[in-house]
Amino acid sequence: NTLSDPFDLIIVASGALEINGAEPEKSIRAVSARAMMDQFALNAIG
């Protein structure tokens, strides 16, 4: 909201493969709710 003038180009380059030490799962059996929510919060909702 502090930005007023429009930009010709906007790039969202943020993201993470590991968050809070949670490595990518090798199997669906390794899924945890917390790790998945952290991924969605940064990589999708952000």
All heavy atoms as atom14 arrays in JSON, in Angstrom:
{
  "sequence": "NTLSDPFDLIIVASGALEINGAEPEKSIRAVSARAMMDQFALNAIG",
  "atom14_mask": [
    [1, 1, 1, 1, 1, 1, 1, 1, 0, 0, 0, 0, 0, 0],
    [1, 1, 1, 1, 1, 1, 1, 0, 0, 0, 0, 0, 0, 0],
    [1, 1, 1, 1, 1, 1, 1, 1, 0, 0, 0, 0, 0, 0],
    [1, 1, 1, 1, 1, 1, 0, 0, 0, 0, 0, 0, 0, 0],
    [1, 1, 1, 1, 1, 1, 1, 1, 0, 0, 0, 0, 0, 0],
    [1, 1, 1, 1, 1, 1, 1, 0, 0, 0, 0, 0, 0, 0],
    [1, 1, 1, 1, 1, 1, 1, 1, 1, 1, 1, 0, 0, 0],
    [1, 1, 1, 1, 1, 1, 1, 1, 0, 0, 0, 0, 0, 0],
    [1, 1, 1, 1, 1, 1, 1, 1, 0, 0, 0, 0, 0, 0],
    [1, 1, 1, 1, 1, 1, 1, 1, 0, 0, 0, 0, 0, 0],
    [1, 1, 1, 1, 1, 1, 1, 1, 0, 0, 0, 0, 0, 0],
    [1, 1, 1, 1, 1, 1, 1, 0, 0, 0, 0, 0, 0, 0],
    [1, 1, 1, 1, 1, 0, 0, 0, 0, 0, 0, 0, 0, 0],
    [1, 1, 1, 1, 1, 1, 0, 0, 0, 0, 0, 0, 0, 0],
    [1, 1, 1, 1, 0, 0, 0, 0, 0, 0, 0, 0, 0, 0],
    [1, 1, 1, 1, 1, 0, 0, 0, 0, 0, 0, 0, 0, 0],
    [1, 1, 1, 1, 1, 1, 1, 1, 0, 0, 0, 0, 0, 0],
    [1, 1, 1, 1, 1, 1, 1, 1, 1, 0, 0, 0, 0, 0],
    [1, 1, 1, 1, 1, 1, 1, 1, 0, 0, 0, 0, 0, 0],
    [1, 1, 1, 1, 1, 1, 1, 1, 0, 0, 0, 0, 0, 0],
    [1, 1, 1, 1, 0, 0, 0, 0, 0, 0, 0, 0, 0, 0],
    [1, 1, 1, 1, 1, 0, 0, 0, 0, 0, 0, 0, 0, 0],
    [1, 1, 1, 1, 1, 1, 1, 1, 1, 0, 0, 0, 0, 0],
    [1, 1, 1, 1, 1, 1, 1, 0, 0, 0, 0, 0, 0, 0],
    [1, 1, 1, 1, 1, 1, 1, 1, 1, 0, 0, 0, 0, 0],
    [1, 1, 1, 1, 1, 1, 1, 1, 1, 0, 0, 0, 0, 0],
    [1, 1, 1, 1, 1, 1, 0, 0, 0, 0, 0, 0, 0, 0],
    [1, 1, 1, 1, 1, 1, 1, 1, 0, 0, 0, 0, 0, 0],
    [1, 1, 1, 1, 1, 1, 1, 1, 1, 1, 1, 0, 0, 0],
    [1, 1, 1, 1, 1, 0, 0, 0, 0, 0, 0, 0, 0, 0],
    [1, 1, 1, 1, 1, 1, 1, 0, 0, 0, 0, 0, 0, 0],
    [1, 1, 1, 1, 1, 1, 0, 0, 0, 0, 0, 0, 0, 0],
    [1, 1, 1, 1, 1, 0, 0, 0, 0, 0, 0, 0, 0, 0],
    [1, 1, 1, 1, 1, 1, 1, 1, 1, 1, 1, 0, 0, 0],
    [1, 1, 1, 1, 1, 0, 0, 0, 0, 0, 0, 0, 0, 0],
    [1, 1, 1, 1, 1, 1, 1, 1, 0, 0, 0, 0, 0, 0],
    [1, 1, 1, 1, 1, 1, 1, 1, 0, 0, 0, 0, 0, 0],
    [1, 1, 1, 1, 1, 1, 1, 1, 0, 0, 0, 0, 0, 0],
    [1, 1, 1, 1, 1, 1, 1, 1, 1, 0, 0, 0, 0, 0],
    [1, 1, 1, 1, 1, 1, 1, 1, 1, 1, 1, 0, 0, 0],
    [1, 1, 1, 1, 1, 0, 0, 0, 0, 0, 0, 0, 0, 0],
    [1, 1, 1, 1, 1, 1, 1, 1, 0, 0, 0, 0, 0, 0],
    [1, 1, 1, 1, 1, 1, 1, 1, 0, 0, 0, 0, 0, 0],
    [1, 1, 1, 1, 1, 0, 0, 0, 0, 0, 0, 0, 0, 0],
    [1, 1, 1, 1, 1, 1, 1, 1, 0, 0, 0, 0, 0, 0],
    [1, 1, 1, 1, 0, 0, 0, 0, 0, 0, 0, 0, 0, 0]
  ],
  "atom14_positions": [
    [[0.81, -1.22, 0.0], [0.0, 0.0, 0.0], [0.85, 1.27, 0.0], [0.33, 2.35, -0.26], [-0.95, 0.0, 1.19], [-2.15, -0.9, 0.98], [-2.54, -1.17, -0.16], [-2.75, -1.38, 2.05], [0.0, 0.0, 0.0], [0.0, 0.0, 0.0], [0.0, 0.0, 0.0], [0.0, 0.0, 0.0], [0.0, 0.0, 0.0], [0.0, 0.0, 0.0]],
    [[2.14, 1.14, 0.3], [3.02, 2.31, 0.24], [3.47, 2.59, -1.19], [4.07, 3.63, -1.47], [4.27, 2.11, 1.13], [5.08, 1.06, 0.59], [3.87, 1.78, 2.56], [0.0, 0.0, 0.0], [0.0, 0.0, 0.0], [0.0, 0.0, 0.0], [0.0, 0.0, 0.0], [0.0, 0.0, 0.0], [0.0, 0.0, 0.0], [0.0, 0.0, 0.0]],
    [[3.2, 1.64, -2.1], [3.58, 1.81, -3.5], [2.42, 2.41, -4.28], [1.32, 1.87, -4.25], [3.97, 0.46, -4.11], [5.04, -0.33, -3.35], [5.25, -1.69, -4.0], [6.35, 0.44, -3.28], [0.0, 0.0, 0.0], [0.0, 0.0, 0.0], [0.0, 0.0, 0.0], [0.0, 0.0, 0.0], [0.0, 0.0, 0.0], [0.0, 0.0, 0.0]],
    [[2.67, 3.49, -4.96], [1.57, 4.18, -5.63], [1.66, 4.09, -7.15], [0.68, 3.76, -7.82], [1.51, 5.66, -5.21], [2.76, 6.29, -5.42], [0.0, 0.0, 0.0], [0.0, 0.0, 0.0], [0.0, 0.0, 0.0], [0.0, 0.0, 0.0], [0.0, 0.0, 0.0], [0.0, 0.0, 0.0], [0.0, 0.0, 0.0], [0.0, 0.0, 0.0]],
    [[2.83, 4.38, -7.71], [2.97, 4.36, -9.17], [2.96, 2.92, -9.69], [3.53, 2.03, -9.07], [4.26, 5.06, -9.6], [4.24, 6.54, -9.26], [3.14, 7.11, -9.19], [5.33, 7.11, -9.07], [0.0, 0.0, 0.0], [0.0, 0.0, 0.0], [0.0, 0.0, 0.0], [0.0, 0.0, 0.0], [0.0, 0.0, 0.0], [0.0, 0.0, 0.0]],
    [[2.35, 2.67, -10.84], [2.32, 1.32, -11.4], [3.69, 0.91, -11.95], [4.54, 1.75, -12.25], [1.28, 1.42, -12.51], [1.28, 2.85, -12.91], [1.57, 3.63, -11.65], [0.0, 0.0, 0.0], [0.0, 0.0, 0.0], [0.0, 0.0, 0.0], [0.0, 0.0, 0.0], [0.0, 0.0, 0.0], [0.0, 0.0, 0.0], [0.0, 0.0, 0.0]],
    [[3.88, -0.4, -12.09], [5.14, -0.96, -12.57], [4.93, -1.65, -13.91], [3.94, -2.37, -14.09], [5.7, -1.96, -11.56], [6.03, -1.37, -10.21], [5.08, -1.35, -9.2], [7.27, -0.81, -9.97], [5.37, -0.81, -7.96], [7.58, -0.25, -8.74], [6.63, -0.25, -7.73], [0.0, 0.0, 0.0], [0.0, 0.0, 0.0], [0.0, 0.0, 0.0]],
    [[5.89, -1.48, -14.81], [5.8, -2.15, -16.1], [6.02, -3.66, -15.96], [5.52, -4.44, -16.77], [6.85, -1.58, -17.07], [6.66, -0.09, -17.3], [5.5, 0.33, -17.47], [7.66, 0.64, -17.32], [0.0, 0.0, 0.0], [0.0, 0.0, 0.0], [0.0, 0.0, 0.0], [0.0, 0.0, 0.0], [0.0, 0.0, 0.0], [0.0, 0.0, 0.0]],
    [[6.77, -4.05, -14.95], [7.07, -5.46, -14.7], [7.05, -5.74, -13.21], [7.65, -5.01, -12.43], [8.46, -5.81, -15.26], [9.01, -7.2, -14.93], [8.14, -8.3, -15.53], [10.45, -7.33, -15.42], [0.0, 0.0, 0.0], [0.0, 0.0, 0.0], [0.0, 0.0, 0.0], [0.0, 0.0, 0.0], [0.0, 0.0, 0.0], [0.0, 0.0, 0.0]],
    [[6.34, -6.8, -12.84], [6.34, -7.28, -11.46], [6.73, -8.75, -11.5], [6.15, -9.53, -12.25], [4.97, -7.12, -10.78], [4.55, -5.65, -10.74], [4.99, -7.71, -9.37], [3.12, -5.43, -10.24], [0.0, 0.0, 0.0], [0.0, 0.0, 0.0], [0.0, 0.0, 0.0], [0.0, 0.0, 0.0], [0.0, 0.0, 0.0], [0.0, 0.0, 0.0]],
    [[7.74, -9.11, -10.71], [8.17, -10.51, -10.63], [8.14, -10.95, -9.17], [8.75, -10.3, -8.31], [9.58, -10.72, -11.2], [9.64, -10.27, -12.66], [9.98, -12.19, -11.08], [11.03, -10.43, -13.28], [0.0, 0.0, 0.0], [0.0, 0.0, 0.0], [0.0, 0.0, 0.0], [0.0, 0.0, 0.0], [0.0, 0.0, 0.0], [0.0, 0.0, 0.0]],
    [[7.44, -12.04, -8.9], [7.47, -12.66, -7.57], [8.46, -13.81, -7.65], [8.18, -14.86, -8.25], [6.08, -13.16, -7.14], [6.16, -13.8, -5.75], [5.08, -12.01, -7.14], [0.0, 0.0, 0.0], [0.0, 0.0, 0.0], [0.0, 0.0, 0.0], [0.0, 0.0, 0.0], [0.0, 0.0, 0.0], [0.0, 0.0, 0.0], [0.0, 0.0, 0.0]],
    [[9.64, -13.59, -7.07], [10.72, -14.57, -7.15], [10.95, -15.28, -5.83], [11.92, -16.02, -5.68], [12.01, -13.88, -7.6], [0.0, 0.0, 0.0], [0.0, 0.0, 0.0], [0.0, 0.0, 0.0], [0.0, 0.0, 0.0], [0.0, 0.0, 0.0], [0.0, 0.0, 0.0], [0.0, 0.0, 0.0], [0.0, 0.0, 0.0], [0.0, 0.0, 0.0]],
    [[10.07, -15.05, -4.87], [10.2, -15.7, -3.56], [9.74, -17.15, -3.64], [8.91, -17.52, -4.48], [9.36, -14.96, -2.52], [9.79, -13.62, -2.38], [0.0, 0.0, 0.0], [0.0, 0.0, 0.0], [0.0, 0.0, 0.0], [0.0, 0.0, 0.0], [0.0, 0.0, 0.0], [0.0, 0.0, 0.0], [0.0, 0.0, 0.0], [0.0, 0.0, 0.0]],
    [[10.24, -17.94, -2.72], [9.81, -19.33, -2.65], [10.79, -20.14, -1.83], [11.89, -19.67, -1.49], [0.0, 0.0, 0.0], [0.0, 0.0, 0.0], [0.0, 0.0, 0.0], [0.0, 0.0, 0.0], [0.0, 0.0, 0.0], [0.0, 0.0, 0.0], [0.0, 0.0, 0.0], [0.0, 0.0, 0.0], [0.0, 0.0, 0.0], [0.0, 0.0, 0.0]],
    [[10.41, -21.35, -1.48], [11.3, -22.22, -0.7], [10.96, -23.67, -0.96], [9.79, -24.03, -1.14], [11.2, -21.91, 0.78], [0.0, 0.0, 0.0], [0.0, 0.0, 0.0], [0.0, 0.0, 0.0], [0.0, 0.0, 0.0], [0.0, 0.0, 0.0], [0.0, 0.0, 0.0], [0.0, 0.0, 0.0], [0.0, 0.0, 0.0], [0.0, 0.0, 0.0]],
    [[11.99, -24.49, -0.98], [11.83, -25.93, -1.12], [11.8, -26.6, 0.25], [11.08, -27.57, 0.47], [12.97, -26.5, -1.97], [12.93, -27.97, -2.36], [11.61, -28.32, -3.06], [14.11, -28.29, -3.27], [0.0, 0.0, 0.0], [0.0, 0.0, 0.0], [0.0, 0.0, 0.0], [0.0, 0.0, 0.0], [0.0, 0.0, 0.0], [0.0, 0.0, 0.0]],
    [[12.59, -26.05, 1.17], [12.58, -26.49, 2.56], [12.14, -25.33, 3.44], [12.62, -24.21, 3.28], [13.97, -26.93, 3.01], [14.43, -28.25, 2.48], [15.74, -28.69, 3.13], [16.08, -28.15, 4.21], [16.42, -29.55, 2.56], [0.0, 0.0, 0.0], [0.0, 0.0, 0.0], [0.0, 0.0, 0.0], [0.0, 0.0, 0.0], [0.0, 0.0, 0.0]],
    [[11.23, -25.59, 4.36], [10.79, -24.58, 5.32], [10.84, -25.18, 6.71], [10.3, -26.27, 6.94], [9.36, -24.1, 5.0], [9.3, -23.5, 3.58], [8.9, -23.05, 6.03], [7.91, -23.09, 3.14], [0.0, 0.0, 0.0], [0.0, 0.0, 0.0], [0.0, 0.0, 0.0], [0.0, 0.0, 0.0], [0.0, 0.0, 0.0], [0.0, 0.0, 0.0]],
    [[11.52, -24.5, 7.62], [11.66, -24.97, 9.0], [12.21, -26.39, 9.06], [11.8, -27.22, 9.88], [10.31, -24.9, 9.73], [9.81, -23.48, 9.88], [10.6, -22.54, 10.04], [8.5, -23.3, 9.81], [0.0, 0.0, 0.0], [0.0, 0.0, 0.0], [0.0, 0.0, 0.0], [0.0, 0.0, 0.0], [0.0, 0.0, 0.0], [0.0, 0.0, 0.0]],
    [[13.16, -26.67, 8.16], [13.84, -27.96, 8.19], [13.08, -29.12, 7.58], [13.57, -30.25, 7.57], [0.0, 0.0, 0.0], [0.0, 0.0, 0.0], [0.0, 0.0, 0.0], [0.0, 0.0, 0.0], [0.0, 0.0, 0.0], [0.0, 0.0, 0.0], [0.0, 0.0, 0.0], [0.0, 0.0, 0.0], [0.0, 0.0, 0.0], [0.0, 0.0, 0.0]],
    [[11.89, -28.89, 7.07], [11.09, -29.96, 6.48], [11.53, -30.18, 5.03], [11.31, -29.34, 4.17], [9.61, -29.62, 6.54], [0.0, 0.0, 0.0], [0.0, 0.0, 0.0], [0.0, 0.0, 0.0], [0.0, 0.0, 0.0], [0.0, 0.0, 0.0], [0.0, 0.0, 0.0], [0.0, 0.0, 0.0], [0.0, 0.0, 0.0], [0.0, 0.0, 0.0]],
    [[12.16, -31.31, 4.77], [12.64, -31.62, 3.44], [11.49, -32.13, 2.56], [10.48, -32.61, 3.07], [13.74, -32.68, 3.5], [14.97, -32.21, 4.26], [16.08, -33.25, 4.22], [15.81, -34.39, 3.76], [17.19, -32.93, 4.66], [0.0, 0.0, 0.0], [0.0, 0.0, 0.0], [0.0, 0.0, 0.0], [0.0, 0.0, 0.0], [0.0, 0.0, 0.0]],
    [[11.63, -32.04, 1.23], [10.6, -32.57, 0.34], [10.35, -34.05, 0.62], [11.29, -34.82, 0.81], [11.2, -32.36, -1.06], [12.17, -31.24, -0.88], [12.74, -31.4, 0.48], [0.0, 0.0, 0.0], [0.0, 0.0, 0.0], [0.0, 0.0, 0.0], [0.0, 0.0, 0.0], [0.0, 0.0, 0.0], [0.0, 0.0, 0.0], [0.0, 0.0, 0.0]],
    [[9.09, -34.43, 0.63], [8.74, -35.81, 0.96], [9.13, -36.76, -0.18], [8.95, -36.44, -1.34], [7.23, -35.95, 1.2], [6.66, -34.96, 2.19], [6.07, -33.72, 1.51], [6.38, -33.5, 0.31], [5.33, -32.99, 2.18], [0.0, 0.0, 0.0], [0.0, 0.0, 0.0], [0.0, 0.0, 0.0], [0.0, 0.0, 0.0], [0.0, 0.0, 0.0]],
    [[9.64, -37.91, 0.18], [9.92, -38.94, -0.82], [8.67, -39.75, -1.13], [8.62, -40.44, -2.14], [11.03, -39.85, -0.33], [12.38, -39.15, -0.17], [13.46, -40.1, 0.29], [14.8, -39.37, 0.42], [15.87, -40.29, 0.9], [0.0, 0.0, 0.0], [0.0, 0.0, 0.0], [0.0, 0.0, 0.0], [0.0, 0.0, 0.0], [0.0, 0.0, 0.0]],
    [[7.68, -39.66, -0.25], [6.47, -40.47, -0.4], [5.31, -39.75, 0.26], [5.49, -38.93, 1.17], [6.69, -41.85, 0.25], [5.46, -42.49, 0.51], [0.0, 0.0, 0.0], [0.0, 0.0, 0.0], [0.0, 0.0, 0.0], [0.0, 0.0, 0.0], [0.0, 0.0, 0.0], [0.0, 0.0, 0.0], [0.0, 0.0, 0.0], [0.0, 0.0, 0.0]],
    [[4.09, -40.08, -0.15], [2.9, -39.54, 0.48], [2.84, -39.92, 1.96], [2.25, -39.22, 2.77], [1.62, -40.04, -0.26], [0.38, -39.28, 0.22], [1.44, -41.55, -0.09], [0.33, -37.85, -0.19], [0.0, 0.0, 0.0], [0.0, 0.0, 0.0], [0.0, 0.0, 0.0], [0.0, 0.0, 0.0], [0.0, 0.0, 0.0], [0.0, 0.0, 0.0]],
    [[3.51, -41.0, 2.32], [3.52, -41.45, 3.72], [4.26, -40.47, 4.62], [4.09, -40.52, 5.84], [4.15, -42.84, 3.83], [3.37, -43.95, 3.14], [3.95, -45.33, 3.44], [5.3, -45.46, 2.92], [5.61, -45.85, 1.68], [4.63, -46.12, 0.82], [6.86, -45.96, 1.31], [0.0, 0.0, 0.0], [0.0, 0.0, 0.0], [0.0, 0.0, 0.0]],
    [[5.07, -39.61, 4.03], [5.86, -38.66, 4.82], [5.19, -37.3, 4.98], [5.74, -36.41, 5.63], [7.23, -38.48, 4.18], [0.0, 0.0, 0.0], [0.0, 0.0, 0.0], [0.0, 0.0, 0.0], [0.0, 0.0, 0.0], [0.0, 0.0, 0.0], [0.0, 0.0, 0.0], [0.0, 0.0, 0.0], [0.0, 0.0, 0.0], [0.0, 0.0, 0.0]],
    [[4.01, -37.12, 4.42], [3.33, -35.82, 4.47], [2.96, -35.46, 5.9], [2.48, -36.29, 6.68], [2.06, -35.85, 3.59], [1.13, -34.69, 3.92], [2.45, -35.79, 2.12], [0.0, 0.0, 0.0], [0.0, 0.0, 0.0], [0.0, 0.0, 0.0], [0.0, 0.0, 0.0], [0.0, 0.0, 0.0], [0.0, 0.0, 0.0], [0.0, 0.0, 0.0]],
    [[3.21, -34.18, 6.24], [2.73, -33.64, 7.52], [1.91, -32.39, 7.23], [2.23, -31.63, 6.3], [3.89, -33.3, 8.45], [4.47, -32.05, 8.13], [0.0, 0.0, 0.0], [0.0, 0.0, 0.0], [0.0, 0.0, 0.0], [0.0, 0.0, 0.0], [0.0, 0.0, 0.0], [0.0, 0.0, 0.0], [0.0, 0.0, 0.0], [0.0, 0.0, 0.0]],
    [[0.89, -32.19, 8.04], [0.0, -31.04, 7.83], [0.77, -29.73, 7.95], [0.59, -28.81, 7.15], [-1.15, -31.08, 8.81], [0.0, 0.0, 0.0], [0.0, 0.0, 0.0], [0.0, 0.0, 0.0], [0.0, 0.0, 0.0], [0.0, 0.0, 0.0], [0.0, 0.0, 0.0], [0.0, 0.0, 0.0], [0.0, 0.0, 0.0], [0.0, 0.0, 0.0]],
    [[1.67, -29.64, 8.96], [2.39, -28.4, 9.19], [3.28, -28.05, 8.01], [3.31, -26.91, 7.53], [3.24, -28.53, 10.45], [4.05, -27.3, 10.85], [3.15, -26.2, 11.35], [2.78, -25.24, 10.33], [1.8, -24.37, 10.45], [1.08, -24.35, 11.55], [1.52, -23.52, 9.5], [0.0, 0.0, 0.0], [0.0, 0.0, 0.0], [0.0, 0.0, 0.0]],
    [[4.03, -29.03, 7.52], [4.94, -28.77, 6.4], [4.17, -28.37, 5.16], [4.59, -27.48, 4.41], [5.8, -30.0, 6.13], [0.0, 0.0, 0.0], [0.0, 0.0, 0.0], [0.0, 0.0, 0.0], [0.0, 0.0, 0.0], [0.0, 0.0, 0.0], [0.0, 0.0, 0.0], [0.0, 0.0, 0.0], [0.0, 0.0, 0.0], [0.0, 0.0, 0.0]],
    [[3.03, -29.02, 4.92], [2.24, -28.68, 3.73], [1.64, -27.29, 3.84], [1.65, -26.51, 2.87], [1.14, -29.73, 3.52], [0.32, -29.48, 2.26], [-0.8, -30.84, 1.84], [0.35, -31.98, 1.06], [0.0, 0.0, 0.0], [0.0, 0.0, 0.0], [0.0, 0.0, 0.0], [0.0, 0.0, 0.0], [0.0, 0.0, 0.0], [0.0, 0.0, 0.0]],
    [[1.16, -26.93, 5.01], [0.61, -25.59, 5.2], [1.68, -24.52, 5.02], [1.41, -23.46, 4.44], [-0.05, -25.48, 6.58], [-1.38, -26.2, 6.68], [-2.28, -25.89, 8.22], [-1.34, -26.88, 9.37], [0.0, 0.0, 0.0], [0.0, 0.0, 0.0], [0.0, 0.0, 0.0], [0.0, 0.0, 0.0], [0.0, 0.0, 0.0], [0.0, 0.0, 0.0]],
    [[2.91, -24.8, 5.49], [4.0, -23.85, 5.32], [4.32, -23.64, 3.84], [4.57, -22.52, 3.4], [5.26, -24.34, 6.04], [5.14, -24.23, 7.56], [4.26, -23.49, 8.04], [5.94, -24.88, 8.26], [0.0, 0.0, 0.0], [0.0, 0.0, 0.0], [0.0, 0.0, 0.0], [0.0, 0.0, 0.0], [0.0, 0.0, 0.0], [0.0, 0.0, 0.0]],
    [[4.31, -24.73, 3.07], [4.57, -24.62, 1.63], [3.5, -23.79, 0.93], [3.82, -22.93, 0.1], [4.64, -26.02, 1.01], [5.92, -26.79, 1.32], [7.12, -26.23, 0.59], [7.0, -25.67, -0.5], [8.29, -26.38, 1.18], [0.0, 0.0, 0.0], [0.0, 0.0, 0.0], [0.0, 0.0, 0.0], [0.0, 0.0, 0.0], [0.0, 0.0, 0.0]],
    [[2.26, -24.04, 1.27], [1.17, -23.29, 0.63], [1.2, -21.82, 1.04], [0.95, -20.94, 0.22], [-0.18, -23.92, 0.97], [-0.61, -24.97, 0.0], [-0.02, -26.22, 0.01], [-1.59, -24.72, -0.95], [-0.39, -27.2, -0.9], [-1.96, -25.68, -1.87], [-1.37, -26.92, -1.84], [0.0, 0.0, 0.0], [0.0, 0.0, 0.0], [0.0, 0.0, 0.0]],
    [[1.53, -21.55, 2.31], [1.55, -20.17, 2.78], [2.55, -19.33, 1.99], [2.26, -18.19, 1.58], [1.88, -20.12, 4.27], [0.0, 0.0, 0.0], [0.0, 0.0, 0.0], [0.0, 0.0, 0.0], [0.0, 0.0, 0.0], [0.0, 0.0, 0.0], [0.0, 0.0, 0.0], [0.0, 0.0, 0.0], [0.0, 0.0, 0.0], [0.0, 0.0, 0.0]],
    [[3.73, -19.88, 1.74], [4.78, -19.12, 1.05], [4.65, -19.2, -0.47], [4.73, -18.18, -1.16], [6.16, -19.63, 1.48], [7.35, -18.95, 0.8], [7.35, -17.44, 1.08], [8.66, -19.59, 1.27], [0.0, 0.0, 0.0], [0.0, 0.0, 0.0], [0.0, 0.0, 0.0], [0.0, 0.0, 0.0], [0.0, 0.0, 0.0], [0.0, 0.0, 0.0]],
    [[4.46, -20.39, -1.0], [4.56, -20.59, -2.45], [3.26, -20.35, -3.22], [3.3, -20.16, -4.43], [5.05, -22.01, -2.74], [6.47, -22.24, -2.29], [7.29, -21.33, -2.29], [6.78, -23.46, -1.87], [0.0, 0.0, 0.0], [0.0, 0.0, 0.0], [0.0, 0.0, 0.0], [0.0, 0.0, 0.0], [0.0, 0.0, 0.0], [0.0, 0.0, 0.0]],
    [[2.13, -20.36, -2.52], [0.85, -20.17, -3.22], [0.08, -18.97, -2.69], [-0.27, -18.06, -3.44], [0.0, -21.44, -3.1], [0.0, 0.0, 0.0], [0.0, 0.0, 0.0], [0.0, 0.0, 0.0], [0.0, 0.0, 0.0], [0.0, 0.0, 0.0], [0.0, 0.0, 0.0], [0.0, 0.0, 0.0], [0.0, 0.0, 0.0], [0.0, 0.0, 0.0]],
    [[-0.16, -18.95, -1.39], [-0.95, -17.85, -0.82], [-0.19, -16.53, -0.92], [-0.77, -15.48, -1.23], [-1.34, -18.15, 0.64], [-2.2, -19.41, 0.7], [-2.09, -16.97, 1.26], [-2.46, -19.92, 2.11], [0.0, 0.0, 0.0], [0.0, 0.0, 0.0], [0.0, 0.0, 0.0], [0.0, 0.0, 0.0], [0.0, 0.0, 0.0], [0.0, 0.0, 0.0]],
    [[1.11, -16.56, -0.68], [1.91, -15.34, -0.76], [1.79, -14.64, -2.1], [1.44, -13.45, -2.17], [0.0, 0.0, 0.0], [0.0, 0.0, 0.0], [0.0, 0.0, 0.0], [0.0, 0.0, 0.0], [0.0, 0.0, 0.0], [0.0, 0.0, 0.0], [0.0, 0.0, 0.0], [0.0, 0.0, 0.0], [0.0, 0.0, 0.0], [0.0, 0.0, 0.0]]
  ]
}
